[in-house]
Protein backbone atom coordinates (compact mmCIF):
# COMPACT_ATOMS: atom_id res chain seq x y z
CA MET A 1 105.84 111.11 89.15
CA ASN A 2 106.66 113.12 92.23
CA PRO A 3 107.24 111.83 95.78
CA LEU A 4 103.74 112.76 97.00
CA VAL A 5 102.16 110.57 94.34
CA HIS A 6 104.57 107.70 95.00
CA VAL A 7 103.90 107.62 98.75
CA SER A 8 100.14 107.90 98.27
CA ILE A 9 100.15 105.00 95.78
CA GLY A 10 101.88 102.85 98.40
CA LEU A 11 99.33 103.87 101.03
CA HIS A 12 96.40 103.18 98.71
CA MET A 13 97.81 99.73 97.88
CA ALA A 14 98.06 99.03 101.62
CA ASN A 15 94.52 100.26 102.25
CA LEU A 16 93.06 98.05 99.53
CA GLY A 17 93.82 94.90 101.47
CA PHE A 18 97.37 94.55 102.74
CA TYR A 19 96.70 96.58 105.90
CA GLN A 20 93.78 94.37 106.82
CA ARG A 21 95.95 91.27 106.42
CA TYR A 22 99.37 92.35 107.75
CA GLY A 23 98.65 95.33 109.98
CA ARG A 24 100.78 98.46 110.27
CA ARG A 25 103.83 96.95 108.60
CA ALA A 26 102.01 96.93 105.22
CA PRO A 27 101.50 100.70 104.83
CA LEU A 28 104.94 101.40 106.28
CA ILE A 29 106.71 99.05 103.86
CA LEU A 30 104.54 99.89 100.83
CA ALA A 31 104.89 103.67 101.30
CA THR A 32 108.66 103.36 101.78
CA ALA A 33 108.98 100.93 98.87
CA SER A 34 107.01 103.31 96.68
CA LEU A 35 109.71 105.92 97.25
CA PHE A 36 112.74 103.62 97.27
CA PRO A 37 113.41 103.39 93.50
CA ASP A 38 114.28 107.09 93.47
CA ILE A 39 117.29 106.36 95.67
CA ASP A 40 119.26 106.44 92.41
CA SER A 41 118.57 110.19 92.31
CA VAL A 42 121.74 110.66 94.36
CA SER A 43 123.53 110.31 91.02
CA LEU A 44 122.50 113.95 90.47
CA PHE A 45 125.21 114.92 92.96
CA ILE A 46 127.80 113.46 90.57
CA SER A 47 126.55 115.22 87.44
CA ARG A 48 123.47 115.80 85.32
CA ASP A 49 124.80 113.39 82.69
CA THR A 50 125.20 110.64 85.29
CA TYR A 51 121.68 111.33 86.55
CA TYR A 52 120.20 111.10 83.05
CA ALA A 53 122.16 107.90 82.35
CA TYR A 54 121.38 105.99 85.57
CA HIS A 55 118.14 107.35 87.01
CA ARG A 56 115.15 105.15 86.24
CA VAL A 57 117.21 102.12 85.26
CA PHE A 58 117.97 99.35 87.79
CA THR A 59 115.86 100.39 90.77
CA HIS A 60 112.84 101.09 88.55
CA ALA A 61 112.99 97.68 86.85
CA LEU A 62 112.26 94.02 87.48
CA GLY A 63 115.83 93.30 88.61
CA GLY A 64 115.65 96.06 91.21
CA TRP A 65 112.27 94.92 92.50
CA VAL A 66 113.61 91.40 93.06
CA LEU A 67 117.12 92.11 94.39
CA CYS A 68 116.46 95.31 96.33
CA GLY A 69 113.18 93.87 97.60
CA ALA A 70 114.98 90.82 98.98
CA MET A 71 117.70 92.89 100.66
CA LEU A 72 115.19 95.29 102.20
CA ALA A 73 113.01 92.37 103.34
CA LEU A 74 116.02 90.96 105.21
CA ILE A 75 116.19 94.25 107.09
CA THR A 76 112.48 94.57 107.89
CA ALA A 77 111.99 90.90 108.78
CA HIS A 78 115.32 90.57 110.61
CA ARG A 79 114.02 89.04 113.85
CA HIS A 80 111.33 86.85 112.35
CA LEU A 81 112.71 85.72 109.00
CA LYS A 82 110.63 82.55 108.81
CA ARG A 83 107.42 84.43 109.44
CA TRP A 84 107.93 87.73 107.60
CA PHE A 85 110.68 87.44 104.97
CA LEU A 86 108.55 86.31 102.00
CA ILE A 87 105.68 88.61 102.94
CA ASP A 88 107.99 91.62 103.33
CA TRP A 89 109.80 90.73 100.10
CA GLY A 90 106.48 90.72 98.29
CA LEU A 91 105.45 94.03 99.85
CA TRP A 92 108.77 95.67 98.92
CA ALA A 93 108.54 94.36 95.35
CA ILE A 94 104.89 95.42 94.97
CA GLY A 95 105.65 98.89 96.33
CA MET A 96 108.56 99.34 93.92
CA ALA A 97 106.44 98.06 91.03
CA GLY A 98 103.80 100.66 92.00
CA HIS A 99 106.50 103.32 91.81
CA THR A 100 107.43 102.18 88.32
CA ALA A 101 103.77 102.10 87.28
CA ALA A 102 103.45 105.75 88.33
CA ASP A 103 106.64 106.70 86.48
CA ILE A 104 105.81 104.84 83.27
CA ILE A 105 102.78 107.08 82.66
CA THR A 106 105.14 110.08 82.41
CA ARG A 107 107.29 111.03 79.43
CA TRP A 108 110.64 109.62 80.64
CA PRO A 109 111.04 106.00 79.39
CA ILE A 110 111.92 103.17 81.79
CA PRO A 111 113.53 99.80 80.92
CA VAL A 112 110.93 97.88 82.96
CA PHE A 113 112.36 94.41 82.26
CA TYR A 114 116.01 95.35 82.87
CA PRO A 115 118.37 93.35 83.02
CA LEU A 116 116.43 90.93 80.79
CA SER A 117 115.72 93.64 78.23
CA GLU A 118 116.93 97.20 77.79
CA ARG A 119 113.82 98.25 75.85
CA SER A 120 112.35 101.32 77.53
CA TRP A 121 108.66 102.05 77.99
CA SER A 122 106.75 105.29 78.46
CA PHE A 123 103.09 106.05 77.93
CA GLY A 124 103.60 109.82 78.15
CA LEU A 125 100.12 110.49 79.51
CA VAL A 126 100.96 113.04 82.20
CA SER A 127 103.87 115.20 83.30
CA TRP A 128 106.01 114.49 86.35
CA GLY A 129 104.07 116.93 88.50
CA ASP A 130 100.56 116.44 87.15
CA ALA A 131 98.41 118.70 89.32
CA PHE A 132 95.31 116.48 89.31
CA LEU A 133 97.06 113.29 90.43
CA THR A 134 99.28 115.22 92.85
CA THR A 135 96.13 116.58 94.48
CA ILE A 136 93.67 113.68 94.36
CA TRP A 137 95.87 110.72 95.41
CA PRO A 138 97.64 112.31 98.40
CA GLY A 139 94.41 114.09 99.36
CA LEU A 140 92.42 110.87 99.50
CA ALA A 141 95.30 109.13 101.34
CA LEU A 142 95.10 111.87 103.98
CA VAL A 143 91.32 111.54 104.24
CA ALA A 144 91.75 107.76 104.62
CA ALA A 145 94.19 108.36 107.47
CA VAL A 146 91.69 110.65 109.21
CA TRP A 147 88.80 108.18 108.76
CA PRO A 148 90.48 104.77 109.04
CA LYS A 149 87.21 102.81 108.99
CA GLN A 150 86.67 104.09 105.44
CA ARG A 151 90.26 103.54 104.25
CA ARG A 152 89.49 100.69 101.85
CA PHE A 153 86.56 102.54 100.27
CA LEU A 154 88.48 105.83 99.95
CA SER A 155 91.49 104.11 98.40
CA ALA A 156 89.23 102.30 95.94
CA ILE A 157 87.79 105.69 94.96
CA ALA A 158 91.32 107.09 94.58
CA VAL A 159 92.34 104.26 92.26
CA ALA A 160 89.11 104.49 90.24
CA VAL A 161 89.34 108.27 89.85
CA GLY A 162 93.02 107.98 88.90
CA LEU A 163 92.28 105.36 86.25
CA LEU A 164 89.41 107.45 84.85
CA TYR A 165 91.72 110.46 84.68
CA LEU A 166 94.37 108.41 82.87
CA ALA A 167 91.73 107.21 80.41
CA TYR A 168 90.86 110.87 79.85
CA ARG A 169 94.56 111.60 79.24
CA VAL A 170 94.71 108.79 76.67
CA ALA A 171 91.95 110.58 74.76
CA LEU A 172 93.30 114.08 75.42
CA PRO A 173 97.04 114.05 76.21
CA ALA A 174 98.53 116.69 78.49
CA PRO A 175 99.97 119.57 76.45
CA GLY A 176 103.37 119.71 78.17
CA PRO A 177 105.15 119.98 81.49
CA SER A 178 103.07 121.10 84.45
CA TRP A 179 103.92 124.13 86.57
CA LEU A 180 105.19 121.79 89.30
CA SER A 181 107.54 120.06 86.85
CA ARG A 182 108.84 123.41 85.64
CA ILE A 183 109.55 124.59 89.17
CA TRP A 184 111.19 121.35 90.34
CA PHE A 185 113.32 120.68 87.30
CA GLY A 186 114.02 124.36 86.82
CA LEU A 187 115.53 124.54 90.29
CA TRP A 188 117.49 121.29 90.33
CA LEU A 189 118.50 120.63 86.77
CA ARG A 190 119.85 123.94 85.52
């Protein structure tokens, strides 16, 4: 999925309970962690072949969630390791797993259990830039930011609507790439 969807998934995860428990650090870490797996996109600067070979491998998989999550937790919990390290590690790992969950519903397979298994998974329900999800999830995240007392309720609605839409896409798959996918990949991957 695209960066807007990834960030909004992290924010919705925070709003559903982590914010209430851990305060501002939860949405900050979860939103950042929801974007972090795409750090391997820098391989595009090397070549398209390198990008296709290495994007959506380590950082999108179990090994990346554990190792990268631990390293990033050391950074975010640096002054209070005893208090925050395990919590931050969990938040980083959950955020990265949310990123992978959003990517696995697209058509590009991901080896989710890498390095334990190289078998790739893809449900192929929506395109990278699905207009409905790109509108509804960030839109409801923005509304939740404007009305913070309703954040948990609005994020629950976002998740429920998203799951209903995905159920609809199971019954009626998307016909092909969305206009957003065509624009993005047309510009960057020519």
